[in-house]
N, C-alpha and C. Protein backbone atom coordinates (compact mmCIF):
# COMPACT_ATOMS: atom_id res chain seq x y z
N MET A 1 -2.86 7.60 -6.63
CA MET A 1 -1.57 8.23 -6.73
C MET A 1 -0.89 7.95 -8.06
N ALA A 2 -1.55 7.09 -8.85
CA ALA A 2 -1.02 6.81 -10.19
C ALA A 2 -0.98 8.12 -10.98
N GLY A 3 0.06 8.29 -11.72
CA GLY A 3 0.20 9.50 -12.52
C GLY A 3 0.94 10.62 -11.82
N LEU A 4 1.21 10.48 -10.54
CA LEU A 4 1.96 11.51 -9.83
C LEU A 4 3.45 11.27 -10.03
N ASN A 5 4.19 12.36 -10.12
CA ASN A 5 5.64 12.20 -10.18
C ASN A 5 6.17 11.99 -8.76
N ALA A 6 7.45 11.75 -8.61
CA ALA A 6 8.02 11.42 -7.30
C ALA A 6 7.79 12.53 -6.28
N THR A 7 7.92 13.78 -6.68
CA THR A 7 7.70 14.90 -5.77
C THR A 7 6.25 14.95 -5.32
N GLU A 8 5.33 14.83 -6.27
CA GLU A 8 3.90 14.85 -5.95
C GLU A 8 3.52 13.67 -5.05
N LEU A 9 4.09 12.51 -5.32
CA LEU A 9 3.81 11.33 -4.51
C LEU A 9 4.26 11.57 -3.07
N GLY A 10 5.44 12.13 -2.90
CA GLY A 10 5.92 12.46 -1.56
C GLY A 10 5.01 13.45 -0.85
N GLU A 11 4.53 14.45 -1.58
CA GLU A 11 3.61 15.43 -1.00
C GLU A 11 2.29 14.77 -0.60
N MET A 12 1.80 13.85 -1.40
CA MET A 12 0.56 13.15 -1.07
C MET A 12 0.73 12.31 0.18
N ILE A 13 1.85 11.63 0.29
CA ILE A 13 2.12 10.82 1.48
C ILE A 13 2.18 11.71 2.72
N THR A 14 2.83 12.86 2.60
CA THR A 14 2.90 13.81 3.71
C THR A 14 1.51 14.29 4.09
N LEU A 15 0.67 14.61 3.12
CA LEU A 15 -0.69 15.06 3.38
C LEU A 15 -1.51 13.99 4.10
N ILE A 16 -1.42 12.77 3.62
CA ILE A 16 -2.18 11.68 4.23
C ILE A 16 -1.71 11.44 5.67
N ARG A 17 -0.42 11.48 5.90
CA ARG A 17 0.10 11.31 7.26
C ARG A 17 -0.37 12.44 8.17
N SER A 18 -0.43 13.66 7.63
CA SER A 18 -0.90 14.81 8.40
C SER A 18 -2.37 14.64 8.78
N LEU A 19 -3.19 14.20 7.82
CA LEU A 19 -4.60 13.97 8.11
C LEU A 19 -4.77 12.90 9.19
N HIS A 20 -4.01 11.83 9.06
CA HIS A 20 -4.07 10.76 10.06
C HIS A 20 -3.63 11.28 11.43
N GLY A 21 -2.59 12.10 11.43
CA GLY A 21 -2.11 12.68 12.69
C GLY A 21 -3.14 13.57 13.35
N ASP A 22 -4.03 14.14 12.55
CA ASP A 22 -5.12 14.97 13.07
C ASP A 22 -6.31 14.14 13.53
N GLY A 23 -6.18 12.81 13.46
CA GLY A 23 -7.24 11.94 13.93
C GLY A 23 -8.25 11.53 12.87
N VAL A 24 -7.95 11.81 11.62
CA VAL A 24 -8.86 11.45 10.54
C VAL A 24 -8.54 10.02 10.09
N GLY A 25 -9.54 9.16 10.12
CA GLY A 25 -9.39 7.81 9.60
C GLY A 25 -9.65 7.82 8.10
N LEU A 26 -8.88 7.08 7.36
CA LEU A 26 -8.99 7.07 5.91
C LEU A 26 -9.12 5.66 5.37
N ILE A 27 -9.95 5.52 4.35
CA ILE A 27 -9.97 4.31 3.54
C ILE A 27 -9.48 4.73 2.18
N ILE A 28 -8.41 4.10 1.72
CA ILE A 28 -7.79 4.48 0.45
C ILE A 28 -7.79 3.28 -0.47
N ILE A 29 -8.29 3.48 -1.67
CA ILE A 29 -8.21 2.45 -2.70
C ILE A 29 -7.09 2.88 -3.63
N GLU A 30 -6.06 2.07 -3.70
CA GLU A 30 -4.85 2.50 -4.41
C GLU A 30 -4.12 1.30 -5.00
N HIS A 31 -3.48 1.52 -6.13
CA HIS A 31 -2.72 0.47 -6.80
C HIS A 31 -1.22 0.65 -6.64
N ILE A 32 -0.79 1.78 -6.12
CA ILE A 32 0.64 2.02 -5.91
C ILE A 32 1.01 1.39 -4.56
N MET A 33 1.37 0.12 -4.62
CA MET A 33 1.59 -0.65 -3.40
C MET A 33 2.75 -0.13 -2.57
N ALA A 34 3.80 0.38 -3.20
CA ALA A 34 4.93 0.89 -2.43
C ALA A 34 4.50 2.05 -1.54
N ALA A 35 3.63 2.91 -2.03
CA ALA A 35 3.12 4.01 -1.22
C ALA A 35 2.25 3.49 -0.10
N MET A 36 1.38 2.54 -0.40
CA MET A 36 0.48 2.01 0.62
C MET A 36 1.25 1.29 1.72
N MET A 37 2.32 0.63 1.35
CA MET A 37 3.13 -0.06 2.36
C MET A 37 3.75 0.95 3.33
N ARG A 38 4.01 2.17 2.85
CA ARG A 38 4.58 3.21 3.71
C ARG A 38 3.53 3.88 4.58
N LEU A 39 2.28 3.85 4.14
CA LEU A 39 1.23 4.60 4.81
C LEU A 39 0.33 3.78 5.73
N ALA A 40 -0.03 2.61 5.29
CA ALA A 40 -1.12 1.88 5.93
C ALA A 40 -0.70 1.18 7.22
N GLN A 41 -1.65 1.12 8.14
CA GLN A 41 -1.48 0.29 9.33
C GLN A 41 -2.07 -1.08 9.08
N ARG A 42 -3.10 -1.13 8.24
CA ARG A 42 -3.78 -2.38 7.90
C ARG A 42 -4.18 -2.32 6.43
N ILE A 43 -4.00 -3.42 5.73
CA ILE A 43 -4.28 -3.48 4.29
C ILE A 43 -5.20 -4.66 4.01
N VAL A 44 -6.17 -4.43 3.13
CA VAL A 44 -7.00 -5.49 2.59
C VAL A 44 -6.71 -5.53 1.09
N VAL A 45 -6.37 -6.70 0.58
CA VAL A 45 -6.02 -6.85 -0.83
C VAL A 45 -7.13 -7.61 -1.54
N LEU A 46 -7.66 -7.00 -2.61
CA LEU A 46 -8.66 -7.64 -3.45
C LEU A 46 -8.03 -8.00 -4.78
N HIS A 47 -8.42 -9.14 -5.31
CA HIS A 47 -7.96 -9.57 -6.63
C HIS A 47 -9.16 -10.16 -7.35
N HIS A 48 -9.54 -9.52 -8.45
CA HIS A 48 -10.73 -9.92 -9.20
C HIS A 48 -11.97 -9.98 -8.30
N GLY A 49 -12.09 -8.99 -7.40
CA GLY A 49 -13.26 -8.89 -6.56
C GLY A 49 -13.28 -9.80 -5.34
N GLU A 50 -12.23 -10.56 -5.14
CA GLU A 50 -12.14 -11.49 -4.00
C GLU A 50 -11.04 -11.02 -3.05
N LYS A 51 -11.33 -11.06 -1.75
CA LYS A 51 -10.29 -10.73 -0.78
C LYS A 51 -9.30 -11.87 -0.72
N ILE A 52 -8.03 -11.55 -0.97
CA ILE A 52 -6.99 -12.58 -0.93
C ILE A 52 -6.07 -12.44 0.28
N ALA A 53 -6.10 -11.26 0.94
CA ALA A 53 -5.24 -11.08 2.10
C ALA A 53 -5.70 -9.88 2.90
N GLU A 54 -5.38 -9.90 4.18
CA GLU A 54 -5.66 -8.78 5.08
C GLU A 54 -4.65 -8.82 6.19
N GLY A 55 -4.09 -7.65 6.54
CA GLY A 55 -3.14 -7.61 7.64
C GLY A 55 -2.26 -6.39 7.60
N THR A 56 -1.18 -6.48 8.32
CA THR A 56 -0.20 -5.40 8.38
C THR A 56 0.57 -5.35 7.06
N PRO A 57 1.20 -4.21 6.76
CA PRO A 57 2.02 -4.16 5.55
C PRO A 57 3.07 -5.27 5.49
N GLU A 58 3.65 -5.61 6.63
CA GLU A 58 4.67 -6.66 6.66
C GLU A 58 4.08 -8.01 6.27
N SER A 59 2.90 -8.33 6.81
CA SER A 59 2.30 -9.62 6.47
C SER A 59 1.82 -9.65 5.03
N ILE A 60 1.35 -8.53 4.52
CA ILE A 60 0.90 -8.44 3.13
C ILE A 60 2.09 -8.62 2.18
N ALA A 61 3.22 -7.99 2.51
CA ALA A 61 4.40 -8.06 1.64
C ALA A 61 4.95 -9.47 1.53
N SER A 62 4.67 -10.30 2.53
CA SER A 62 5.20 -11.66 2.50
C SER A 62 4.15 -12.70 2.11
N ASP A 63 2.94 -12.26 1.80
CA ASP A 63 1.86 -13.18 1.43
C ASP A 63 2.05 -13.60 -0.03
N ARG A 64 2.22 -14.87 -0.27
CA ARG A 64 2.51 -15.40 -1.61
C ARG A 64 1.44 -15.00 -2.62
N ARG A 65 0.16 -14.99 -2.23
CA ARG A 65 -0.91 -14.62 -3.17
C ARG A 65 -0.79 -13.17 -3.60
N VAL A 66 -0.42 -12.29 -2.68
CA VAL A 66 -0.25 -10.87 -3.00
C VAL A 66 0.98 -10.65 -3.86
N VAL A 67 2.07 -11.33 -3.52
CA VAL A 67 3.29 -11.23 -4.33
C VAL A 67 3.00 -11.66 -5.76
N ASP A 68 2.32 -12.78 -5.91
CA ASP A 68 2.01 -13.28 -7.25
C ASP A 68 1.07 -12.37 -8.02
N ALA A 69 0.07 -11.81 -7.34
CA ALA A 69 -0.95 -11.00 -8.02
C ALA A 69 -0.52 -9.57 -8.27
N TYR A 70 0.25 -8.96 -7.35
CA TYR A 70 0.51 -7.53 -7.44
C TYR A 70 1.95 -7.08 -7.27
N LEU A 71 2.65 -7.65 -6.31
CA LEU A 71 3.95 -7.10 -5.96
C LEU A 71 5.09 -7.60 -6.82
N GLY A 72 5.10 -8.86 -7.12
CA GLY A 72 6.19 -9.45 -7.87
C GLY A 72 7.40 -9.68 -6.99
N GLU A 73 8.24 -10.56 -7.45
CA GLU A 73 9.44 -10.91 -6.68
C GLU A 73 10.36 -9.71 -6.48
N GLU A 74 10.37 -8.76 -7.43
CA GLU A 74 11.23 -7.59 -7.33
C GLU A 74 10.91 -6.78 -6.07
N PHE A 75 9.61 -6.68 -5.73
CA PHE A 75 9.21 -5.93 -4.54
C PHE A 75 9.75 -6.60 -3.30
N VAL A 76 9.64 -7.90 -3.23
CA VAL A 76 10.11 -8.65 -2.06
C VAL A 76 11.62 -8.49 -1.93
N LEU A 77 12.33 -8.63 -3.03
CA LEU A 77 13.79 -8.52 -2.99
C LEU A 77 14.23 -7.10 -2.65
N ALA A 78 13.53 -6.09 -3.17
CA ALA A 78 13.91 -4.71 -2.92
C ALA A 78 13.62 -4.32 -1.47
N ASP A 79 12.63 -4.95 -0.88
CA ASP A 79 12.22 -4.63 0.47
C ASP A 79 13.04 -5.37 1.52
N ALA A 80 13.75 -6.43 1.10
CA ALA A 80 14.49 -7.26 2.05
C ALA A 80 15.75 -6.58 2.54
């Protein structure tokens, strides 16, 4: 989803939700964490090829290793 503007990002999220609603399971590799937090039921986070976390978006957002590697304190504060 990198490179999409806000409108396109919203359309992509709508499309993915529609596919899921039709019973299609998806594996998505994505770096736009804010979008993934809105879409995913379960997230696996890799950092330098190593799994550092796995769980619900809520558990991922509060995992210190994920915050340090990808989200940053701003994400935690904005989400609170």
